[in-house]
N, C-alpha and C. Protein backbone atom coordinates (compact mmCIF):
# COMPACT_ATOMS: atom_id res chain seq x y z
N UNK A 1 64.43 -70.63 55.90
CA UNK A 1 63.74 -70.29 54.67
C UNK A 1 63.05 -71.52 54.11
N UNK A 2 61.77 -71.38 53.82
CA UNK A 2 61.03 -72.49 53.24
C UNK A 2 61.12 -72.45 51.73
N UNK A 3 61.09 -73.59 51.13
CA UNK A 3 61.16 -73.68 49.69
C UNK A 3 59.76 -73.76 49.11
N UNK A 4 59.51 -73.00 48.07
CA UNK A 4 58.20 -73.04 47.42
C UNK A 4 58.35 -73.50 45.98
N UNK A 5 59.41 -74.24 45.69
CA UNK A 5 59.64 -74.73 44.34
C UNK A 5 58.51 -75.67 43.94
N UNK A 6 57.92 -75.43 42.81
CA UNK A 6 56.86 -76.28 42.31
C UNK A 6 55.48 -75.91 42.82
N UNK A 7 55.38 -75.04 43.79
CA UNK A 7 54.07 -74.67 44.32
C UNK A 7 53.80 -73.18 44.19
N UNK A 8 54.70 -72.44 43.62
CA UNK A 8 54.57 -70.99 43.55
C UNK A 8 53.35 -70.55 42.76
N UNK A 9 52.99 -71.30 41.73
CA UNK A 9 51.90 -70.86 40.86
C UNK A 9 50.61 -71.65 41.08
N UNK A 10 50.58 -72.49 42.11
CA UNK A 10 49.38 -73.27 42.39
C UNK A 10 48.56 -72.58 43.45
N UNK A 11 47.30 -72.35 43.13
CA UNK A 11 46.40 -71.79 44.13
C UNK A 11 44.99 -72.27 43.83
N UNK A 12 44.19 -72.36 44.87
CA UNK A 12 42.81 -72.79 44.69
C UNK A 12 42.70 -74.15 44.08
N UNK A 13 41.82 -74.28 43.10
CA UNK A 13 41.59 -75.58 42.48
C UNK A 13 42.64 -75.94 41.43
N UNK A 14 43.59 -75.07 41.18
CA UNK A 14 44.62 -75.34 40.19
C UNK A 14 45.50 -76.52 40.58
N UNK A 15 45.59 -76.82 41.87
CA UNK A 15 46.44 -77.91 42.31
C UNK A 15 45.70 -79.25 42.35
N UNK A 16 44.40 -79.28 42.05
CA UNK A 16 43.63 -80.52 42.04
C UNK A 16 43.90 -81.31 40.77
N UNK A 17 43.98 -82.63 40.94
CA UNK A 17 44.17 -83.52 39.79
C UNK A 17 42.82 -84.01 39.25
N UNK A 18 41.74 -83.65 39.92
CA UNK A 18 40.39 -84.01 39.49
C UNK A 18 39.57 -82.72 39.42
N UNK A 19 38.40 -82.82 38.81
CA UNK A 19 37.54 -81.63 38.73
C UNK A 19 37.04 -81.25 40.12
N UNK A 20 36.66 -80.02 40.29
CA UNK A 20 36.14 -79.55 41.59
C UNK A 20 34.91 -80.35 42.00
N UNK A 21 34.03 -80.64 41.05
CA UNK A 21 32.82 -81.39 41.36
C UNK A 21 33.16 -82.80 41.84
N UNK A 22 34.13 -83.44 41.19
CA UNK A 22 34.55 -84.79 41.60
C UNK A 22 35.19 -84.75 42.98
N UNK A 23 35.99 -83.72 43.25
CA UNK A 23 36.62 -83.58 44.55
C UNK A 23 35.57 -83.45 45.65
N UNK A 24 34.57 -82.61 45.42
CA UNK A 24 33.50 -82.42 46.41
C UNK A 24 32.76 -83.73 46.64
N UNK A 25 32.49 -84.47 45.58
CA UNK A 25 31.80 -85.76 45.71
C UNK A 25 32.65 -86.74 46.53
N UNK A 26 33.94 -86.76 46.30
CA UNK A 26 34.83 -87.63 47.07
C UNK A 26 34.86 -87.24 48.54
N UNK A 27 34.85 -85.95 48.82
CA UNK A 27 34.81 -85.48 50.21
C UNK A 27 33.51 -85.92 50.87
N UNK A 28 32.42 -85.83 50.14
CA UNK A 28 31.12 -86.29 50.69
C UNK A 28 31.16 -87.78 50.99
N UNK A 29 31.81 -88.57 50.12
CA UNK A 29 31.94 -90.00 50.36
C UNK A 29 32.76 -90.28 51.62
N UNK A 30 33.82 -89.51 51.81
CA UNK A 30 34.64 -89.66 53.02
C UNK A 30 33.81 -89.35 54.26
N UNK A 31 33.00 -88.32 54.20
CA UNK A 31 32.14 -87.96 55.33
C UNK A 31 31.17 -89.10 55.63
N UNK A 32 30.57 -89.69 54.59
CA UNK A 32 29.65 -90.81 54.78
C UNK A 32 30.36 -92.00 55.43
N UNK A 33 31.56 -92.30 54.97
CA UNK A 33 32.33 -93.42 55.53
C UNK A 33 32.67 -93.15 56.99
N UNK A 34 33.07 -91.93 57.30
CA UNK A 34 33.38 -91.59 58.69
C UNK A 34 32.15 -91.75 59.58
N UNK A 35 30.98 -91.39 59.07
CA UNK A 35 29.74 -91.57 59.83
C UNK A 35 29.47 -93.05 60.07
N UNK A 36 29.70 -93.89 59.06
CA UNK A 36 29.48 -95.32 59.21
C UNK A 36 30.45 -95.93 60.22
N UNK A 37 31.72 -95.56 60.14
CA UNK A 37 32.72 -96.08 61.07
C UNK A 37 32.40 -95.63 62.49
N UNK A 38 32.02 -94.37 62.64
CA UNK A 38 31.66 -93.86 63.97
C UNK A 38 30.48 -94.62 64.54
N UNK A 39 29.50 -94.91 63.70
CA UNK A 39 28.33 -95.66 64.14
C UNK A 39 28.71 -97.07 64.60
N UNK A 40 29.58 -97.72 63.84
CA UNK A 40 30.03 -99.06 64.22
C UNK A 40 30.83 -99.04 65.52
N UNK A 41 31.73 -98.08 65.64
CA UNK A 41 32.56 -98.00 66.85
C UNK A 41 31.73 -97.70 68.09
N UNK A 42 30.70 -96.88 67.93
CA UNK A 42 29.89 -96.51 69.09
C UNK A 42 29.18 -97.73 69.69
N UNK A 43 28.92 -98.75 68.88
CA UNK A 43 28.29 -99.97 69.38
C UNK A 43 29.21 -100.75 70.32
N UNK A 44 30.53 -100.57 70.16
CA UNK A 44 31.50 -101.31 70.95
C UNK A 44 32.15 -100.46 72.04
N UNK A 45 31.74 -99.22 72.19
CA UNK A 45 32.44 -98.30 73.09
C UNK A 45 32.20 -98.57 74.57
N UNK A 46 31.20 -99.35 74.90
CA UNK A 46 30.97 -99.66 76.31
C UNK A 46 30.51 -101.10 76.45
N UNK A 47 30.66 -101.61 77.64
CA UNK A 47 30.16 -102.94 77.92
C UNK A 47 31.07 -104.08 77.52
N UNK A 48 32.31 -103.80 77.13
CA UNK A 48 33.22 -104.88 76.77
C UNK A 48 33.88 -105.51 78.00
N UNK A 49 33.90 -104.78 79.09
CA UNK A 49 34.50 -105.31 80.31
C UNK A 49 36.01 -105.14 80.36
N UNK A 50 36.64 -104.78 79.27
CA UNK A 50 38.08 -104.58 79.25
C UNK A 50 38.35 -103.09 79.17
N UNK A 51 38.92 -102.55 80.24
CA UNK A 51 39.16 -101.12 80.37
C UNK A 51 40.00 -100.58 79.21
N UNK A 52 41.09 -101.26 78.88
CA UNK A 52 42.01 -100.78 77.83
C UNK A 52 41.34 -100.79 76.46
N UNK A 53 40.62 -101.86 76.17
CA UNK A 53 39.97 -101.95 74.86
C UNK A 53 38.86 -100.91 74.75
N UNK A 54 38.09 -100.75 75.81
CA UNK A 54 37.00 -99.76 75.79
C UNK A 54 37.54 -98.36 75.55
N UNK A 55 38.67 -98.03 76.20
CA UNK A 55 39.26 -96.70 76.00
C UNK A 55 39.89 -96.55 74.63
N UNK A 56 40.47 -97.62 74.11
CA UNK A 56 41.04 -97.56 72.75
C UNK A 56 39.94 -97.31 71.73
N UNK A 57 38.81 -98.00 71.89
CA UNK A 57 37.69 -97.81 70.97
C UNK A 57 37.12 -96.40 71.12
N UNK A 58 37.02 -95.92 72.35
CA UNK A 58 36.54 -94.55 72.57
C UNK A 58 37.47 -93.53 71.91
N UNK A 59 38.78 -93.76 72.00
CA UNK A 59 39.74 -92.87 71.35
C UNK A 59 39.58 -92.89 69.83
N UNK A 60 39.39 -94.09 69.26
CA UNK A 60 39.16 -94.20 67.81
C UNK A 60 37.89 -93.47 67.41
N UNK A 61 36.87 -93.62 68.22
CA UNK A 61 35.60 -92.93 67.95
C UNK A 61 35.80 -91.42 67.98
N UNK A 62 36.53 -90.92 68.97
CA UNK A 62 36.83 -89.48 69.04
C UNK A 62 37.57 -89.01 67.81
N UNK A 63 38.56 -89.79 67.35
CA UNK A 63 39.32 -89.41 66.16
C UNK A 63 38.43 -89.39 64.92
N UNK A 64 37.55 -90.37 64.80
CA UNK A 64 36.62 -90.39 63.66
C UNK A 64 35.70 -89.17 63.68
N UNK A 65 35.21 -88.84 64.85
CA UNK A 65 34.32 -87.69 64.97
C UNK A 65 35.06 -86.38 64.64
N UNK A 66 36.30 -86.26 65.10
CA UNK A 66 37.09 -85.07 64.79
C UNK A 66 37.34 -84.99 63.28
N UNK A 67 37.70 -86.13 62.66
CA UNK A 67 37.91 -86.14 61.21
C UNK A 67 36.63 -85.76 60.47
N UNK A 68 35.51 -86.27 60.95
CA UNK A 68 34.22 -85.95 60.34
C UNK A 68 33.94 -84.46 60.43
N UNK A 69 34.15 -83.89 61.60
CA UNK A 69 33.90 -82.45 61.78
C UNK A 69 34.82 -81.61 60.91
N UNK A 70 36.10 -81.96 60.87
CA UNK A 70 37.06 -81.18 60.08
C UNK A 70 36.77 -81.32 58.58
N UNK A 71 36.41 -82.52 58.13
CA UNK A 71 36.10 -82.72 56.72
C UNK A 71 34.82 -81.97 56.34
N UNK A 72 33.82 -82.03 57.21
CA UNK A 72 32.58 -81.29 56.96
C UNK A 72 32.83 -79.79 56.91
N UNK A 73 33.65 -79.31 57.83
CA UNK A 73 33.99 -77.89 57.83
C UNK A 73 34.71 -77.52 56.54
N UNK A 74 35.65 -78.35 56.11
CA UNK A 74 36.36 -78.09 54.86
C UNK A 74 35.42 -78.05 53.67
N UNK A 75 34.46 -78.96 53.65
CA UNK A 75 33.49 -78.98 52.55
C UNK A 75 32.64 -77.71 52.56
N UNK A 76 32.21 -77.29 53.75
CA UNK A 76 31.45 -76.04 53.85
C UNK A 76 32.26 -74.85 53.37
N UNK A 77 33.53 -74.83 53.69
CA UNK A 77 34.39 -73.73 53.25
C UNK A 77 34.59 -73.75 51.74
N UNK A 78 34.65 -74.96 51.15
CA UNK A 78 34.79 -75.06 49.70
C UNK A 78 33.62 -74.40 48.98
N UNK A 79 32.45 -74.53 49.54
CA UNK A 79 31.26 -73.94 48.91
C UNK A 79 31.24 -72.42 49.04
N UNK A 80 32.03 -71.86 49.95
CA UNK A 80 32.05 -70.42 50.16
C UNK A 80 33.16 -69.72 49.38
N UNK A 81 34.03 -70.50 48.73
CA UNK A 81 35.12 -69.91 47.96
C UNK A 81 34.54 -69.28 46.71
N UNK A 82 34.84 -68.01 46.47
CA UNK A 82 34.31 -67.36 45.25
C UNK A 82 34.87 -68.03 44.00
N UNK A 83 34.04 -68.20 43.01
CA UNK A 83 34.46 -68.80 41.76
C UNK A 83 35.16 -67.75 40.89
N UNK A 84 36.26 -68.15 40.20
CA UNK A 84 36.95 -67.19 39.33
C UNK A 84 36.10 -66.85 38.12
N UNK A 85 36.34 -65.70 37.59
CA UNK A 85 35.57 -65.22 36.43
C UNK A 85 36.04 -65.87 35.16
């Protein structure tokens, strides 16, 4: 049995500690940062001559891209949530 103490009445934006607009802006900033990090990592992903380092950087780049995609998807879904009356 899972416990839902303290979360039973929280739904949608009720659980946010910031306004919805501020939350969306912060998500956009995260997306921008992920794009910047991905761009920087892609410059180092090949040509280093060290197999382990090249693969570690490629793995980091993959993780950044996955985070970017998931965050972008989440932001798109936020815009599709019907607003309460």
